């Protein structure tokens, strides 16, 4: 496998019009202080596919010459999930009979504030009666 990798690298290096120094700068895989290498979604467009093995894994290199083994089925599922989440618009479905929530004042404030809009984005709507008794508004 190593010989095949080196042979492909030398073929790409000798290809006409290829200039590694002229390659578009990219945010290559970041190396943490502890020596670990991290891969980000921004690295994928700059990766070079080396090969495939076991009908499910892709070998690829990043601009810093790190070799990555990617589970192609997991990569495909992540890509599909992310595109679905970008395109999906969740609409709430009103309940036939509202469901009362038993919340203490701190929980009530948190739900009503809806930081980040998580409840609204997922179709939840709340009716609040400030005149009601605690734990029953």
Protein backbone atom coordinates (compact mmCIF):
# COMPACT_ATOMS: atom_id res chain seq x y z
CA UNK A 1 0.00 0.00 0.00
CA UNK A 2 2.86 2.36 0.83
CA UNK A 3 4.49 1.72 -2.56
CA UNK A 4 1.21 2.40 -4.34
CA UNK A 5 0.76 5.63 -2.37
CA UNK A 6 4.29 6.82 -3.19
CA UNK A 7 3.83 5.93 -6.87
CA UNK A 8 0.59 7.93 -7.09
CA UNK A 9 2.17 10.88 -5.33
CA UNK A 10 5.09 10.95 -7.77
CA UNK A 11 2.70 10.70 -10.75
CA UNK A 12 0.69 13.65 -9.47
CA UNK A 13 3.84 15.65 -8.77
CA UNK A 14 5.07 15.05 -12.35
CA UNK A 15 1.72 15.92 -13.92
CA UNK A 16 1.88 18.90 -16.29
CA UNK A 17 0.50 22.13 -14.89
CA UNK A 18 0.78 20.95 -11.31
CA UNK A 19 2.54 23.34 -8.99
CA UNK A 20 2.18 22.52 -5.30
CA UNK A 21 3.28 26.02 -4.30
CA UNK A 22 0.50 27.54 -6.43
CA UNK A 23 -2.18 25.43 -4.79
CA UNK A 24 -4.94 27.44 -3.17
CA UNK A 25 -4.21 28.03 0.49
CA UNK A 26 -6.56 26.14 2.69
CA UNK A 27 -7.11 25.75 6.37
CA UNK A 28 -5.36 22.37 6.49
CA UNK A 29 -5.87 19.92 9.28
CA UNK A 30 -5.11 21.69 12.51
CA UNK A 31 -2.53 20.17 14.81
CA UNK A 32 -3.25 20.55 18.51
CA UNK A 33 -0.55 21.14 21.13
CA UNK A 34 -0.72 17.51 22.22
CA UNK A 35 0.24 16.28 18.72
CA UNK A 36 -3.23 15.16 17.63
CA UNK A 37 -4.44 16.16 14.18
CA UNK A 38 -7.99 17.40 13.65
CA UNK A 39 -10.02 17.34 10.47
CA UNK A 40 -12.61 20.00 9.71
CA UNK A 41 -15.26 20.19 6.96
CA UNK A 42 -13.18 22.93 5.29
CA UNK A 43 -10.41 20.36 4.70
CA UNK A 44 -12.47 18.05 2.47
CA UNK A 45 -12.41 20.12 -0.76
CA UNK A 46 -8.59 20.23 -0.57
CA UNK A 47 -8.10 16.50 0.00
CA UNK A 48 -6.72 14.14 -2.61
CA UNK A 49 -8.22 10.66 -2.85
CA UNK A 50 -5.54 8.00 -2.82
CA UNK A 51 -7.72 4.91 -3.07
CA UNK A 52 -10.41 2.74 -1.56
CA UNK A 53 -10.26 -0.48 0.39
CA UNK A 54 -12.67 -3.03 1.80
CA UNK A 55 -15.50 -1.52 -0.31
CA UNK A 56 -16.26 1.04 2.34
CA UNK A 57 -13.23 3.09 3.28
CA UNK A 58 -11.57 5.89 1.34
CA UNK A 59 -7.91 6.78 1.74
CA UNK A 60 -7.26 10.49 1.29
CA UNK A 61 -4.49 12.97 1.99
CA UNK A 62 -4.81 16.58 3.07
CA UNK A 63 -2.49 19.41 1.99
CA UNK A 64 -0.22 18.72 4.96
CA UNK A 65 0.26 15.15 3.70
CA UNK A 66 -1.68 13.48 6.53
CA UNK A 67 -3.27 10.22 5.44
CA UNK A 68 -6.93 9.86 6.43
CA UNK A 69 -9.06 6.72 6.41
CA UNK A 70 -12.68 7.79 5.93
CA UNK A 71 -15.73 5.57 6.31
CA UNK A 72 -17.49 6.46 3.07
CA UNK A 73 -20.92 5.31 4.28
CA UNK A 74 -20.68 7.47 7.43
CA UNK A 75 -19.46 10.45 5.36
CA UNK A 76 -22.40 10.02 3.00
CA UNK A 77 -24.89 9.77 5.88
CA UNK A 78 -23.48 12.93 7.49
CA UNK A 79 -23.66 14.82 4.17
CA UNK A 80 -27.24 13.70 3.56
CA UNK A 81 -28.28 14.53 7.13
CA UNK A 82 -26.75 18.00 6.98
CA UNK A 83 -28.38 18.79 3.63
CA UNK A 84 -31.72 17.52 4.98
CA UNK A 85 -31.39 19.70 8.07
CA UNK A 86 -30.56 22.73 5.91
CA UNK A 87 -33.58 22.15 3.68
CA UNK A 88 -36.10 20.98 6.30
CA UNK A 89 -38.62 23.38 7.70
CA UNK A 90 -40.34 22.08 10.79
CA UNK A 91 -43.89 23.21 11.35
CA UNK A 92 -45.62 22.76 14.66
CA UNK A 93 -48.78 20.74 14.96
CA UNK A 94 -51.24 22.25 17.44
CA UNK A 95 -52.44 19.90 20.16
CA UNK A 96 -56.17 19.21 20.41
CA UNK A 97 -55.91 19.88 24.11
CA UNK A 98 -52.98 21.95 25.41
CA UNK A 99 -50.62 20.09 27.70
CA UNK A 100 -49.91 21.99 30.94
CA UNK A 101 -46.28 22.07 32.04
CA UNK A 102 -45.26 21.89 35.69
CA UNK A 103 -42.29 24.28 35.68
CA UNK A 104 -40.64 26.12 38.55
CA UNK A 105 -40.01 29.86 37.99
CA UNK A 106 -36.41 29.32 36.77
CA UNK A 107 -37.47 26.68 34.23
CA UNK A 108 -40.37 28.87 33.14
CA UNK A 109 -38.02 31.80 32.48
CA UNK A 110 -35.68 29.59 30.50
CA UNK A 111 -38.47 28.16 28.33
CA UNK A 112 -39.99 31.57 27.68
CA UNK A 113 -36.61 33.15 26.89
CA UNK A 114 -35.90 30.32 24.40
CA UNK A 115 -32.17 31.06 24.05
CA UNK A 116 -31.04 30.28 20.53
CA UNK A 117 -34.63 29.74 19.42
CA UNK A 118 -34.38 25.95 19.86
CA UNK A 119 -38.02 25.46 20.91
CA UNK A 120 -39.45 27.62 18.13
CA UNK A 121 -37.12 26.09 15.51
CA UNK A 122 -38.41 22.63 16.44
CA UNK A 123 -42.09 23.55 16.27
CA UNK A 124 -42.86 24.16 19.95
CA UNK A 125 -45.12 27.06 20.95
CA UNK A 126 -46.10 28.04 24.47
CA UNK A 127 -49.05 29.93 25.94
CA UNK A 128 -48.10 31.76 29.11
CA UNK A 129 -50.55 33.15 31.69
CA UNK A 130 -48.55 35.48 33.96
CA UNK A 131 -51.55 35.85 36.28
CA UNK A 132 -51.71 32.11 36.92
CA UNK A 133 -50.32 30.42 40.03
CA UNK A 134 -46.67 29.29 40.09
CA UNK A 135 -46.16 25.90 38.40
CA UNK A 136 -49.38 26.43 36.43
CA UNK A 137 -48.86 29.45 34.18
